Structure formats: C-alpha cells, structure tokens
Amino acid sequence: MQVKLLFVSALPLIRRRIRLNAVILALFLVLIPEVSAQNQKTADLLSYYMQARTRQIATDIAREGALTMEYRELEPLKTKAGVIQQQLNELNWKRLLASLPEPLVTFGITSMRPISKVESVTVESLFKEAEWSFVGSSSRSMVDTMKTADLRSRLEFHYGAPTRTLTEFGYPDSLRREDIVQFEYWFLVNGTIPVILMDVNGPWDRGIVLAAETKYRQKLELIKSTLLGQLATSSSRKSFIDYYYNFDQGSWYLTGFDGIGFFDKRIKRPNLSLGRPSPSLISNEQQ
C-alpha cells in the first residue's frame, strides 16, 4: 500500500521527466542530420545533446516560477568612490595651478641710486652680466628733444658726475660709430635692477639712451620717465667739462657748460691716462 502511494505521488515528476526526455530526443533527432552532413565527431553530437537538455531544463524551471524573486529597491554600494573622486579633483586642480604662468606683479619704482665712478667697481659684475634692452629718443617729449649737452648739465645737477666717460672707455679711434659711448650714468633701481643712461651720439645731438635688463623691457619707458622726468620739470643745471670725440671729423673737443652757456673747443688728441679734464679748465673757457 505504501509503495502504491509513493508511486502515485511521484507520477507528476515521472511525467515531467518523460516529457523532457522526449523533447531532448526530438531535438537530438533533428540535429543528427545537420551534424552528419557536416561530418561532426561523437564529441560534437554529445555537446549538441547537452545544450538542448540544458535549454529545456531551464525553460521548465522558469515556467514553474522557481527563479522569481521578490522585488527590492536598489541600494547604493558602499565604496570609497566619493573620496577617490575628491582626491582626483584636488590633483587636477594642483596640475592646473602648476601650468599657469607666474602671477603678474605690479611694477613700481621705489628707489633710484646713482652709482659713482668709485663705487662702480663693487657692482661692475652685476652690470657686465646683465642682458640689456634699450630705448632711445623716439618721442616728441621734452626730454627726447632736448640737446644732449643740456641733459648732461641737468644730470650733473641731480645725480653728480657720470659713472664712466671717454676717459674710462679709452680711445675710440678704432671703434665703429655705433660702438662709441661718450658717457654713462649707472643706477640701481629698487636696489637690484641695473639701469644705464648713455650718450651715444655726442653733445650736439638730442635725447639720451636708456638701457635696462631685458626682463624689464616692457617697463623701459616707465623707468626712463621716472629717471628723467625731473630733468624736464626743473631747469637746474650744473657746470661740467668733458672730452668729446667726433667720429665723422676724427676730431677731439672740450665740451661742457660753464654755468652760463654751453661751449665746444676743438683740441689735440688728449692724454686720457691723465684722467678726466680738470674743472679748472672751465674758467679758461669763460675768458
């Protein structure tokens, strides 16, 4: 009696297995011609059989609802993605800052210290190592149109004697015209920036040339106007005397300002080893 009950309870399972095997057998029989036509091996036939059986079992289980699950809301995974993203943002920001140019610094002149002939020895290396940019007399300003001799007398009043003259440069006879410098005034602007005012065309010309380190080339006009601005607003002058070499004539002159007017006197080739001309010669020019 118990055996009969077990048999009856197992009937649905047996029937399902019979149906499954029947389907698999049918699929197998359908695939045999195709496999035979392609001369497949026994292992290939077994593979086809296993695939068909697996598909059928999966279909039966799905129909019975065995794979259905209760719906649940999605929950975000607990990861360190937020922290990592923040670190990446900070890294990208640092890279961006590193790629930016140096911040612009407003340039202003706080001091202008003239360098005397005696002091020039202590800063000579600074001026020799500098890479220079130049600005000449290219405008119609009062300073650019003023006679160079007049500028020299005003420079003498405000800054004293030049740092260098022909006496220090030596005889220019063998130099080209553009290489001859009549005098130079050296300055340290803001304590560290080397600047030079120079006469390259002689006292009969107009204006003067300013040179500063190349990295300040955009500020040349500002430096020039600051150094020479007071020369235009003040008519104060100081007497001076100096040698002047005229390249076109190949001639030497005593040139200067005697307190009343400007003078030029042609002379023989001077002995530069004796130093700059004595200020006492000014009185001789007044006679």
Protein backbone atom coordinates (compact mmCIF):
# COMPACT_ATOMS: atom_id res chain seq x y z
CA MET A 1 0.00 0.00 0.00
CA GLN A 2 2.82 2.36 0.86
CA VAL A 3 4.61 1.51 -2.39
CA LYS A 4 1.47 2.37 -4.31
CA LEU A 5 1.12 5.72 -2.59
CA LEU A 6 4.74 6.60 -3.31
CA PHE A 7 4.26 5.65 -6.95
CA VAL A 8 1.14 7.80 -7.24
CA SER A 9 2.84 10.84 -5.66
CA ALA A 10 5.81 10.51 -7.98
CA LEU A 11 3.69 10.40 -11.14
CA PRO A 12 3.90 14.17 -11.88
CA LEU A 13 7.68 14.10 -11.62
CA ILE A 14 7.92 11.00 -13.80
CA ARG A 15 5.63 12.53 -16.42
CA ARG A 16 7.73 15.74 -16.49
CA ARG A 17 10.93 13.75 -16.92
CA ILE A 18 9.32 11.71 -19.73
CA ARG A 19 8.25 14.92 -21.48
CA LEU A 20 11.76 16.39 -21.03
CA ASN A 21 13.47 13.33 -22.41
CA ALA A 22 11.01 13.23 -25.31
CA VAL A 23 11.77 16.82 -26.20
CA ILE A 24 15.50 16.27 -25.88
CA LEU A 25 15.27 13.16 -28.03
CA ALA A 26 13.30 15.08 -30.65
CA LEU A 27 15.87 17.88 -30.71
CA PHE A 28 18.62 15.32 -30.87
CA LEU A 29 16.99 13.59 -33.84
CA VAL A 30 16.54 16.93 -35.60
CA LEU A 31 20.19 17.84 -35.10
CA ILE A 32 21.54 14.45 -36.23
CA PRO A 33 21.15 15.12 -40.00
CA GLU A 34 22.78 18.52 -39.70
CA VAL A 35 25.64 17.10 -37.70
CA SER A 36 26.00 14.13 -40.02
CA ALA A 37 26.03 16.37 -43.04
CA GLN A 38 28.95 18.21 -41.54
CA ASN A 39 30.78 15.03 -40.53
CA GLN A 40 30.82 16.05 -36.85
CA LYS A 41 32.54 13.83 -34.33
CA THR A 42 30.84 11.97 -31.48
CA ALA A 43 32.00 14.62 -29.01
CA ASP A 44 30.19 17.29 -31.05
CA LEU A 45 26.97 15.25 -31.02
CA LEU A 46 27.21 14.92 -27.26
CA SER A 47 27.72 18.66 -26.96
CA TYR A 48 24.58 19.36 -29.00
CA TYR A 49 22.65 16.95 -26.78
CA MET A 50 23.83 18.60 -23.57
CA GLN A 51 22.99 22.08 -24.86
CA ALA A 52 19.48 21.01 -25.84
CA ARG A 53 18.93 19.35 -22.48
CA THR A 54 20.14 22.36 -20.59
CA ARG A 55 17.84 24.71 -22.53
CA GLN A 56 14.84 22.52 -21.87
CA ILE A 57 15.53 22.22 -18.13
CA ALA A 58 15.94 25.99 -17.89
CA THR A 59 12.64 26.51 -19.72
CA ASP A 60 10.77 24.14 -17.39
CA ILE A 61 12.13 25.71 -14.25
CA ALA A 62 11.31 29.22 -15.47
CA ARG A 63 7.72 28.17 -16.23
CA GLU A 64 7.28 26.80 -12.71
CA GLY A 65 8.37 30.16 -11.26
CA ALA A 66 11.40 28.76 -9.48
CA LEU A 67 13.64 31.73 -10.48
CA THR A 68 11.26 34.53 -9.49
CA MET A 69 12.36 36.77 -6.61
CA GLU A 70 10.69 39.44 -4.54
CA TYR A 71 11.34 42.97 -5.89
CA ARG A 72 13.61 45.13 -3.77
CA GLU A 73 14.73 48.72 -4.14
CA LEU A 74 18.28 49.28 -5.34
CA GLU A 75 20.75 50.14 -2.64
CA PRO A 76 23.94 52.09 -3.45
CA LEU A 77 27.14 50.19 -2.90
CA LYS A 78 29.24 51.42 -0.03
CA THR A 79 32.54 52.28 -1.74
CA LYS A 80 35.26 54.95 -1.50
CA ALA A 81 34.33 56.39 -4.89
CA GLY A 82 33.49 59.79 -3.37
CA VAL A 83 36.80 60.03 -1.58
CA ILE A 84 38.71 58.94 -4.68
CA GLN A 85 36.84 61.48 -6.83
CA GLN A 86 37.72 64.25 -4.37
CA GLN A 87 41.38 63.26 -4.46
CA LEU A 88 41.33 63.27 -8.27
CA ASN A 89 39.73 66.73 -8.29
CA GLU A 90 42.42 68.06 -5.95
CA LEU A 91 45.15 66.52 -8.10
CA ASN A 92 43.70 68.05 -11.28
CA TRP A 93 43.44 71.43 -9.52
CA LYS A 94 47.09 71.29 -8.46
CA ARG A 95 48.13 70.41 -12.02
CA LEU A 96 46.11 73.34 -13.36
CA LEU A 97 47.72 75.76 -10.90
CA ALA A 98 51.18 74.45 -11.80
CA SER A 99 50.53 75.07 -15.51
CA LEU A 100 49.52 78.71 -15.01
CA PRO A 101 52.10 81.49 -15.56
CA GLU A 102 53.57 83.38 -12.66
CA PRO A 103 51.15 85.94 -11.24
CA LEU A 104 51.59 89.43 -12.59
CA VAL A 105 53.35 91.75 -10.21
CA THR A 106 52.66 95.45 -10.40
CA PHE A 107 55.96 97.17 -11.13
CA GLY A 108 56.74 100.35 -9.30
CA ILE A 109 59.92 102.32 -8.76
CA THR A 110 60.67 102.86 -5.08
CA SER A 111 64.31 103.95 -5.30
CA MET A 112 66.92 105.11 -7.83
CA ARG A 113 70.50 105.11 -6.62
CA PRO A 114 73.17 106.59 -8.91
CA ILE A 115 76.49 104.71 -8.93
CA SER A 116 79.60 106.85 -8.79
CA LYS A 117 82.86 106.10 -10.56
CA VAL A 118 84.47 104.87 -7.34
CA GLU A 119 81.50 102.67 -6.39
CA SER A 120 81.21 101.14 -9.86
CA VAL A 121 83.96 98.65 -9.04
CA THR A 122 81.74 96.96 -6.44
CA VAL A 123 78.78 96.45 -8.82
CA GLU A 124 80.64 96.05 -12.10
CA SER A 125 79.95 92.30 -12.30
CA LEU A 126 76.20 92.94 -11.99
CA PHE A 127 76.26 95.32 -14.95
CA LYS A 128 78.55 93.11 -17.07
CA GLU A 129 76.37 90.02 -16.65
CA ALA A 130 73.09 91.79 -17.44
CA GLU A 131 71.32 91.22 -20.76
CA TRP A 132 70.24 94.64 -21.97
CA SER A 133 67.25 96.11 -23.75
CA PHE A 134 67.33 99.71 -24.98
CA VAL A 135 65.02 102.63 -25.61
CA GLY A 136 66.19 105.79 -27.41
CA SER A 137 64.79 109.21 -28.22
CA SER A 138 61.80 108.17 -30.28
CA SER A 139 59.12 110.54 -28.98
CA ARG A 140 58.45 114.26 -29.09
CA SER A 141 58.68 114.64 -25.35
CA MET A 142 60.74 117.44 -23.87
CA VAL A 143 63.45 115.02 -22.73
CA ASP A 144 63.75 113.31 -26.13
CA THR A 145 64.00 116.63 -27.98
CA MET A 146 66.37 118.37 -25.53
CA LYS A 147 70.01 118.83 -26.53
CA THR A 148 72.16 116.10 -25.05
CA ALA A 149 74.58 118.68 -23.62
CA ASP A 150 71.68 120.29 -21.76
CA LEU A 151 70.58 116.88 -20.44
CA ARG A 152 74.13 116.25 -19.26
CA SER A 153 74.22 119.52 -17.27
CA ARG A 154 70.91 118.65 -15.62
CA LEU A 155 72.07 115.11 -14.87
CA GLU A 156 75.16 116.62 -13.25
CA PHE A 157 72.93 118.74 -11.01
CA HIS A 158 70.65 115.90 -9.90
CA TYR A 159 72.98 112.88 -9.91
CA GLY A 160 76.54 114.21 -9.97
CA ALA A 161 79.30 113.28 -12.43
CA PRO A 162 78.85 110.32 -14.81
CA THR A 163 79.89 106.82 -13.80
CA ARG A 164 82.04 106.48 -16.94
CA THR A 165 83.27 108.79 -19.68
CA LEU A 166 85.64 108.53 -22.63
CA THR A 167 88.49 108.73 -20.16
CA GLU A 168 87.47 105.34 -18.70
CA PHE A 169 86.44 103.80 -22.03
CA GLY A 170 89.71 104.63 -23.75
CA TYR A 171 90.48 105.97 -27.21
CA PRO A 172 87.57 105.27 -29.59
CA ASP A 173 89.54 105.89 -32.81
CA SER A 174 89.40 102.23 -33.84
CA LEU A 175 85.74 101.71 -32.89
CA ARG A 176 82.69 101.86 -35.12
CA ARG A 177 80.37 104.84 -34.73
CA GLU A 178 77.65 102.75 -33.04
CA ASP A 179 80.15 101.39 -30.51
CA ILE A 180 81.28 104.78 -29.21
CA VAL A 181 79.79 105.91 -25.90
CA GLN A 182 80.54 109.44 -24.71
CA PHE A 183 79.38 108.92 -21.12
CA GLU A 184 77.29 106.62 -18.92
CA TYR A 185 75.27 107.03 -15.74
CA TRP A 186 74.72 103.80 -13.80
CA PHE A 187 71.73 103.33 -11.48
CA LEU A 188 70.39 100.62 -9.24
CA VAL A 189 66.62 100.85 -9.40
CA ASN A 190 64.75 99.35 -6.45
CA GLY A 191 68.10 98.27 -5.07
CA THR A 192 68.78 95.44 -7.54
CA ILE A 193 67.85 96.43 -11.11
CA PRO A 194 70.82 97.70 -13.16
CA VAL A 195 69.96 100.66 -15.41
CA ILE A 196 72.22 102.78 -17.64
CA LEU A 197 71.71 106.22 -19.18
CA MET A 198 74.15 106.76 -22.03
CA ASP A 199 75.12 109.28 -24.69
CA VAL A 200 75.96 107.53 -27.94
CA ASN A 201 75.84 110.47 -30.37
CA GLY A 202 77.63 113.28 -28.57
CA PRO A 203 76.58 116.62 -27.03
CA TRP A 204 75.40 118.08 -30.33
CA ASP A 205 72.63 115.51 -30.69
CA ARG A 206 69.30 115.33 -28.82
CA GLY A 207 67.96 112.97 -26.23
CA ILE A 208 69.67 110.09 -24.49
CA VAL A 209 69.52 106.26 -24.49
CA LEU A 210 68.31 104.17 -21.55
CA ALA A 211 69.20 100.50 -21.07
CA ALA A 212 67.78 98.05 -18.53
CA GLU A 213 67.74 94.31 -18.05
CA THR A 214 65.81 92.53 -20.79
CA LYS A 215 63.19 91.13 -18.41
CA TYR A 216 62.15 94.74 -17.74
CA ARG A 217 61.91 95.74 -21.41
CA GLN A 218 58.18 96.36 -21.05
CA LYS A 219 58.97 98.90 -18.31
CA LEU A 220 61.69 100.85 -20.12
CA GLU A 221 59.52 103.89 -20.79
CA LEU A 222 58.36 103.95 -17.17
CA ILE A 223 61.94 103.77 -15.88
CA LYS A 224 63.06 106.42 -18.35
CA SER A 225 60.29 108.84 -17.48
CA THR A 226 60.97 108.34 -13.77
CA LEU A 227 64.71 108.95 -14.07
CA LEU A 228 64.47 111.87 -16.46
CA GLY A 229 61.10 113.33 -15.51
CA GLN A 230 62.56 115.80 -13.04
CA LEU A 231 65.06 116.98 -15.66
CA ALA A 232 62.18 118.29 -17.72
CA THR A 233 60.34 119.93 -14.83
CA SER A 234 63.42 121.61 -13.34
CA SER A 235 65.78 123.92 -15.20
CA SER A 236 68.54 123.48 -12.61
CA ARG A 237 71.93 122.80 -14.22
CA LYS A 238 75.49 122.30 -13.03
CA SER A 239 78.66 123.26 -14.84
CA PHE A 240 80.81 120.45 -16.26
CA ILE A 241 83.61 119.83 -18.74
CA ASP A 242 84.45 116.65 -20.61
CA TYR A 243 86.14 115.25 -23.69
CA TYR A 244 84.08 114.65 -26.83
CA TYR A 245 85.21 112.63 -29.84
CA ASN A 246 83.52 113.45 -33.16
CA PHE A 247 83.58 110.28 -35.25
CA ASP A 248 82.83 111.92 -38.60
CA GLN A 249 85.61 114.50 -38.19
CA GLY A 250 88.01 112.27 -36.31
CA SER A 251 88.44 115.26 -34.01
CA TRP A 252 88.57 115.84 -30.26
CA TYR A 253 86.77 118.59 -28.34
CA LEU A 254 86.46 120.01 -24.88
CA THR A 255 82.73 120.34 -24.32
CA GLY A 256 80.63 121.41 -21.38
CA PHE A 257 78.58 124.03 -19.55
CA ASP A 258 80.22 126.94 -17.75
CA GLY A 259 77.20 127.99 -15.70
CA ILE A 260 76.05 130.49 -18.31
CA GLY A 261 76.24 128.77 -21.64
CA PHE A 262 77.44 125.68 -23.43
CA PHE A 263 80.82 125.53 -25.19
CA ASP A 264 82.82 123.29 -27.53
CA LYS A 265 86.53 123.80 -28.20
CA ARG A 266 88.48 121.73 -30.67
CA ILE A 267 91.69 120.32 -29.18
CA LYS A 268 94.51 117.93 -29.98
CA ARG A 269 94.26 114.30 -29.06
CA PRO A 270 94.21 114.32 -25.23
CA ASN A 271 96.22 112.11 -22.90
CA LEU A 272 93.43 110.03 -21.36
CA SER A 273 95.82 108.42 -18.90
CA LEU A 274 95.80 111.74 -17.01
CA GLY A 275 92.12 111.28 -16.23
CA ARG A 276 89.12 113.46 -16.88
CA PRO A 277 89.67 117.14 -17.79
CA SER A 278 90.06 119.40 -14.78
CA PRO A 279 87.07 121.58 -13.82
CA SER A 280 89.55 124.47 -13.66
CA LEU A 281 89.58 124.48 -17.43
CA ILE A 282 86.02 125.81 -17.34
CA SER A 283 87.26 129.19 -16.19
CA ASN A 284 89.65 129.27 -19.10
CA GLU A 285 86.72 128.77 -21.44
CA GLN A 286 84.94 131.76 -19.91
CA GLN A 287 87.85 134.05 -20.76
